[in-house]
C-alpha atoms as a PDB file:
ATOM      1  CA  MET A   1      11.159  27.117   7.365  1.00  0.00           C
ATOM      2  CA  PRO A   2       9.466  24.121   5.664  1.00  0.00           C
ATOM      3  CA  LYS A   3      11.650  21.144   4.717  1.00  0.00           C
ATOM      4  CA  TYR A   4      11.365  19.460   1.304  1.00  0.00           C
ATOM      5  CA  VAL A   5      12.859  16.671  -0.746  1.00  0.00           C
ATOM      6  CA  ALA A   6      13.320  16.689  -4.502  1.00  0.00           C
ATOM      7  CA  PHE A   7      13.446  13.338  -6.277  1.00  0.00           C
ATOM      8  CA  LEU A   8      15.342  13.817  -9.519  1.00  0.00           C
ATOM      9  CA  ARG A   9      14.713  11.381 -12.340  1.00  0.00           C
ATOM     10  CA  GLY A  10      17.667   9.573 -13.897  1.00  0.00           C
ATOM     11  CA  ILE A  11      20.495  10.980 -11.781  1.00  0.00           C
ATOM     12  CA  ASN A  12      23.444   8.570 -11.706  1.00  0.00           C
ATOM     13  CA  ALA A  13      21.352   6.010 -13.542  1.00  0.00           C
ATOM     14  CA  GLY A  14      22.691   6.840 -16.980  1.00  0.00           C
ATOM     15  CA  ARG A  15      23.432  10.521 -16.251  1.00  0.00           C
ATOM     16  CA  VAL A  16      26.338  11.169 -13.899  1.00  0.00           C
ATOM     17  CA  ILE A  17      26.159  14.299 -11.784  1.00  0.00           C
ATOM     18  CA  LYS A  18      28.439  14.718  -8.801  1.00  0.00           C
ATOM     19  CA  MET A  19      26.561  15.320  -5.582  1.00  0.00           C
ATOM     20  CA  ILE A  20      28.721  18.360  -4.788  1.00  0.00           C
ATOM     21  CA  ASP A  21      27.623  19.894  -8.125  1.00  0.00           C
ATOM     22  CA  LEU A  22      23.999  19.033  -7.427  1.00  0.00           C
ATOM     23  CA  LYS A  23      24.213  20.620  -3.971  1.00  0.00           C
ATOM     24  CA  ASP A  24      25.832  23.733  -5.447  1.00  0.00           C
ATOM     25  CA  CYS A  25      23.063  23.982  -8.065  1.00  0.00           C
ATOM     26  CA  PHE A  26      20.353  23.887  -5.386  1.00  0.00           C
ATOM     27  CA  GLU A  27      22.170  26.444  -3.246  1.00  0.00           C
ATOM     28  CA  SER A  28      22.479  28.747  -6.261  1.00  0.00           C
ATOM     29  CA  MET A  29      18.652  28.681  -6.482  1.00  0.00           C
ATOM     30  CA  GLY A  30      18.488  30.255  -3.033  1.00  0.00           C
ATOM     31  CA  LEU A  31      17.424  27.062  -1.267  1.00  0.00           C
ATOM     32  CA  ASP A  32      18.630  26.602   2.319  1.00  0.00           C
ATOM     33  CA  ASN A  33      20.281  23.770   4.266  1.00  0.00           C
ATOM     34  CA  VAL A  34      20.785  21.686   1.116  1.00  0.00           C
ATOM     35  CA  LYS A  35      21.870  18.051   1.540  1.00  0.00           C
ATOM     36  CA  THR A  36      22.086  15.229  -0.952  1.00  0.00           C
ATOM     37  CA  VAL A  37      21.111  11.776   0.269  1.00  0.00           C
ATOM     38  CA  LEU A  38      22.795   8.787  -1.378  1.00  0.00           C
ATOM     39  CA  GLN A  39      23.915   9.094  -5.004  1.00  0.00           C
ATOM     40  CA  THR A  40      20.572   8.780  -6.767  1.00  0.00           C
ATOM     41  CA  GLY A  41      19.166  12.285  -7.037  1.00  0.00           C
ATOM     42  CA  ASN A  42      17.627  12.879  -3.622  1.00  0.00           C
ATOM     43  CA  VAL A  43      18.039  16.442  -2.406  1.00  0.00           C
ATOM     44  CA  VAL A  44      16.789  17.666   0.967  1.00  0.00           C
ATOM     45  CA  PHE A  45      16.425  21.423   1.471  1.00  0.00           C
ATOM     46  CA  GLU A  46      14.410  24.179   3.118  1.00  0.00           C
ATOM     47  CA  SER A  47      12.422  26.904   1.401  1.00  0.00           C
ATOM     48  CA  ASN A  48       9.449  29.210   1.876  1.00  0.00           C
ATOM     49  CA  LYS A  49       8.277  28.560  -1.708  1.00  0.00           C
ATOM     50  CA  ASN A  50       5.399  26.186  -2.484  1.00  0.00           C
ATOM     51  CA  VAL A  51       5.823  22.753  -4.068  1.00  0.00           C
ATOM     52  CA  GLN A  52       4.780  23.774  -7.604  1.00  0.00           C
ATOM     53  CA  ASP A  53       7.083  26.821  -7.654  1.00  0.00           C
ATOM     54  CA  LEU A  54       9.947  24.670  -6.379  1.00  0.00           C
ATOM     55  CA  LYS A  55       9.331  22.025  -9.046  1.00  0.00           C
ATOM     56  CA  ARG A  56       9.392  24.607 -11.843  1.00  0.00           C
ATOM     57  CA  LEU A  57      12.496  26.316 -10.428  1.00  0.00           C
ATOM     58  CA  ILE A  58      14.438  23.072  -9.963  1.00  0.00           C
ATOM     59  CA  GLU A  59      13.577  21.678 -13.404  1.00  0.00           C
ATOM     60  CA  LYS A  60      14.444  24.966 -15.128  1.00  0.00           C
ATOM     61  CA  GLU A  61      17.739  25.574 -13.321  1.00  0.00           C
ATOM     62  CA  MET A  62      18.925  21.960 -13.533  1.00  0.00           C
ATOM     63  CA  SER A  63      18.083  21.823 -17.240  1.00  0.00           C
ATOM     64  CA  ILE A  64      20.196  24.917 -17.846  1.00  0.00           C
ATOM     65  CA  ARG A  65      23.087  23.940 -15.592  1.00  0.00           C
ATOM     66  CA  PHE A  66      23.401  20.282 -16.581  1.00  0.00           C
ATOM     67  CA  SER A  67      22.156  20.496 -20.211  1.00  0.00           C
ATOM     68  CA  PHE A  68      19.329  17.961 -20.121  1.00  0.00           C
ATOM     69  CA  ASP A  69      15.549  18.029 -19.727  1.00  0.00           C
ATOM     70  CA  ALA A  70      15.490  17.681 -15.930  1.00  0.00           C
ATOM     71  CA  LYS A  71      12.497  16.132 -14.186  1.00  0.00           C
ATOM     72  CA  ALA A  72      11.900  16.658 -10.462  1.00  0.00           C
ATOM     73  CA  GLN A  73       9.202  15.657  -8.063  1.00  0.00           C
ATOM     74  CA  VAL A  74       9.072  17.733  -4.898  1.00  0.00           C
ATOM     75  CA  TYR A  75       7.438  16.745  -1.610  1.00  0.00           C
ATOM     76  CA  SER A  76       7.250  18.358   1.787  1.00  0.00           C
ATOM     77  CA  PHE A  77       8.636  16.221   4.594  1.00  0.00           C
ATOM     78  CA  GLU A  78       5.124  16.137   6.034  1.00  0.00           C
ATOM     79  CA  ASP A  79       3.703  14.643   2.818  1.00  0.00           C
ATOM     80  CA  LEU A  80       6.620  12.217   2.436  1.00  0.00           C
ATOM     81  CA  SER A  81       6.067  10.985   6.010  1.00  0.00           C
ATOM     82  CA  LYS A  82       2.413  10.285   5.165  1.00  0.00           C
ATOM     83  CA  ILE A  83       3.424   8.399   2.016  1.00  0.00           C
ATOM     84  CA  ILE A  84       5.842   6.225   4.001  1.00  0.00           C
ATOM     85  CA  GLU A  85       3.263   5.558   6.727  1.00  0.00           C
ATOM     86  CA  ALA A  86       0.702   4.480   4.102  1.00  0.00           C
ATOM     87  CA  TYR A  87       2.948   1.690   2.772  1.00  0.00           C
ATOM     88  CA  SER A  88       0.762  -1.245   3.755  1.00  0.00           C
ATOM     89  CA  PHE A  89       2.658  -4.324   2.577  1.00  0.00           C
ATOM     90  CA  GLU A  90       4.280  -6.440   5.266  1.00  0.00           C
ATOM     91  CA  ASP A  91       8.076  -6.286   5.357  1.00  0.00           C
ATOM     92  CA  LYS A  92       9.217  -9.699   4.084  1.00  0.00           C
ATOM     93  CA  GLU A  93      12.611 -11.328   3.758  1.00  0.00           C
ATOM     94  CA  GLY A  94      13.685 -11.555   0.122  1.00  0.00           C
ATOM     95  CA  MET A  95      11.420  -8.725  -1.034  1.00  0.00           C
ATOM     96  CA  HIS A  96      12.089  -5.143  -2.136  1.00  0.00           C
ATOM     97  CA  SER A  97       9.623  -2.443  -1.169  1.00  0.00           C
ATOM     98  CA  TYR A  98       9.283   0.555  -3.495  1.00  0.00           C
ATOM     99  CA  VAL A  99       7.284   3.727  -3.786  1.00  0.00           C
ATOM    100  CA  ILE A 100       6.728   4.945  -7.343  1.00  0.00           C
ATOM    101  CA  PHE A 101       6.094   8.684  -7.464  1.00  0.00           C
ATOM    102  CA  LEU A 102       3.838   9.665 -10.367  1.00  0.00           C
ATOM    103  CA  GLU A 103       2.570  12.875 -11.892  1.00  0.00           C
ATOM    104  CA  ASN A 104      -0.717  13.702 -13.612  1.00  0.00           C
ATOM    105  CA  SER A 105      -2.772  11.265 -11.465  1.00  0.00           C
ATOM    106  CA  LEU A 106      -1.303   8.359 -13.416  1.00  0.00           C
ATOM    107  CA  GLU A 107      -1.247   6.085 -10.359  1.00  0.00           C
ATOM    108  CA  GLN A 108      -4.877   5.070 -10.938  1.00  0.00           C
ATOM    109  CA  ASP A 109      -4.247   4.284 -14.618  1.00  0.00           C
ATOM    110  CA  LEU A 110      -1.119   2.331 -13.781  1.00  0.00           C
ATOM    111  CA  VAL A 111      -2.755  -0.066 -11.337  1.00  0.00           C
ATOM    112  CA  LYS A 112      -5.651  -0.656 -13.778  1.00  0.00           C
ATOM    113  CA  GLU A 113      -3.319  -1.716 -16.610  1.00  0.00           C
ATOM    114  CA  GLU A 114      -3.356  -5.374 -17.536  1.00  0.00           C
ATOM    115  CA  TYR A 115      -0.231  -7.233 -16.492  1.00  0.00           C
ATOM    116  CA  LYS A 116       0.532 -10.382 -14.562  1.00  0.00           C
ATOM    117  CA  LEU A 117       2.196 -10.044 -11.199  1.00  0.00           C
ATOM    118  CA  SER A 118       4.463 -12.783  -9.940  1.00  0.00           C
ATOM    119  CA  ASP A 119       3.062 -14.800  -7.033  1.00  0.00           C
ATOM    120  CA  ASP A 120       4.649 -12.671  -4.288  1.00  0.00           C
ATOM    121  CA  GLU A 121       4.539  -9.326  -6.108  1.00  0.00           C
ATOM    122  CA  LYS A 122       2.054  -6.700  -4.890  1.00  0.00           C
ATOM    123  CA  VAL A 123       0.907  -3.343  -6.273  1.00  0.00           C
ATOM    124  CA  LYS A 124      -1.417  -0.766  -4.725  1.00  0.00           C
ATOM    125  CA  ALA A 125      -2.275   2.830  -5.659  1.00  0.00           C
ATOM    126  CA  GLY A 126      -1.907   5.615  -3.119  1.00  0.00           C
ATOM    127  CA  LYS A 127      -2.301   9.372  -3.494  1.00  0.00           C
ATOM    128  CA  GLY A 128       0.131  10.320  -6.280  1.00  0.00           C
ATOM    129  CA  VAL A 129       2.115   7.126  -5.738  1.00  0.00           C
ATOM    130  CA  VAL A 130       2.048   3.403  -6.344  1.00  0.00           C
ATOM    131  CA  TYR A 131       3.296   1.061  -3.651  1.00  0.00           C
ATOM    132  CA  TRP A 132       5.128  -1.943  -5.050  1.00  0.00           C
ATOM    133  CA  GLN A 133       6.651  -5.023  -3.478  1.00  0.00           C
ATOM    134  CA  VAL A 134       8.664  -7.396  -5.630  1.00  0.00           C
ATOM    135  CA  CYS A 135      11.074 -10.311  -5.084  1.00  0.00           C
ATOM    136  CA  ARG A 136      14.742  -9.327  -4.928  1.00  0.00           C
ATOM    137  CA  GLY A 137      16.302 -10.036  -8.293  1.00  0.00           C
ATOM    138  CA  ASP A 138      13.009  -9.563 -10.157  1.00  0.00           C
ATOM    139  CA  THR A 139      12.828  -5.762 -10.027  1.00  0.00           C
ATOM    140  CA  LEU A 140      13.981  -5.178 -13.611  1.00  0.00           C
ATOM    141  CA  SER A 141      12.420  -8.292 -15.145  1.00  0.00           C
ATOM    142  CA  SER A 142       8.970  -7.859 -13.614  1.00  0.00           C
ATOM    143  CA  LEU A 143       6.154  -7.200 -16.075  1.00  0.00           C
ATOM    144  CA  PHE A 144       5.103  -4.335 -13.823  1.00  0.00           C
ATOM    145  CA  ALA A 145       8.570  -2.766 -14.164  1.00  0.00           C
ATOM    146  CA  LYS A 146       8.307  -3.064 -17.945  1.00  0.00           C
ATOM    147  CA  LEU A 147       4.955  -1.298 -17.759  1.00  0.00           C
ATOM    148  CA  LEU A 148       6.624   1.639 -15.993  1.00  0.00           C
ATOM    149  CA  ALA A 149       8.871   2.027 -19.029  1.00  0.00           C
ATOM    150  CA  LYS A 150       5.901   2.545 -21.383  1.00  0.00           C
ATOM    151  CA  SER A 151       5.868   6.032 -22.883  1.00  0.00           C
ATOM    152  CA  LYS A 152       2.630   6.903 -21.070  1.00  0.00           C
ATOM    153  CA  TYR A 153       4.422   6.560 -17.703  1.00  0.00           C
ATOM    154  CA  LYS A 154       8.159   6.757 -18.403  1.00  0.00           C
ATOM    155  CA  LEU A 155       8.643  10.521 -18.178  1.00  0.00           C
ATOM    156  CA  PHE A 156       6.239  10.953 -15.288  1.00  0.00           C
ATOM    157  CA  ASN A 157       7.591   8.578 -12.661  1.00  0.00           C
ATOM    158  CA  THR A 158      10.548   8.015 -10.427  1.00  0.00           C
ATOM    159  CA  ASN A 159      10.820   5.388  -7.746  1.00  0.00           C
ATOM    160  CA  ARG A 160      12.628   4.941  -4.479  1.00  0.00           C
ATOM    161  CA  ASN A 161      13.166   2.003  -2.189  1.00  0.00           C
ATOM    162  CA  LEU A 162      11.235   2.345   1.080  1.00  0.00           C
ATOM    163  CA  ASN A 163      14.515   2.113   3.043  1.00  0.00           C
ATOM    164  CA  THR A 164      15.896   5.074   1.053  1.00  0.00           C
ATOM    165  CA  LEU A 165      12.789   7.121   1.884  1.00  0.00           C
ATOM    166  CA  LYS A 166      13.272   6.385   5.575  1.00  0.00           C
ATOM    167  CA  LYS A 167      16.913   7.544   5.329  1.00  0.00           C
ATOM    168  CA  ILE A 168      15.757  10.748   3.646  1.00  0.00           C
ATOM    169  CA  ILE A 169      13.250  11.508   6.409  1.00  0.00           C
ATOM    170  CA  ASN A 170      16.052  11.067   8.954  1.00  0.00           C
ATOM    171  CA  ALA A 171      18.512  13.251   7.008  1.00  0.00           C
END
């Protein structure tokens, strides 16, 4: 059975949901071998459904169960592996490496926006994602991070540290 990960926007970053409750919610949807990874809304599971059906199911059921407008991005493990492999910035001491998952093909718009990157900061569009490297300590103050909070992008993105993605693949 195919293996997937759901990235849930805003879990335990302003909205507290216990991982045991999140796991139970996914199991109640009929998804198999459900595991949560870390405390930030990463759920690994197996299903025979396709990505779009899973996204709709997860958003609907989570919205009902937890009483908020849930947003999920769902990827097969195969696609997530390709996304991780495509991260092209060199691993550097003192830097954070992120993947920003976007909907509606917004990755191309996002990298074309006008903003000033710090000297060491890097941004590159991928397929449905933006790869971002930023100095530790500058993640929230970066002009690029502020751009992500613009209404055009805010509801359609979630990001994960590259190290977190590697942990998910090994879950």
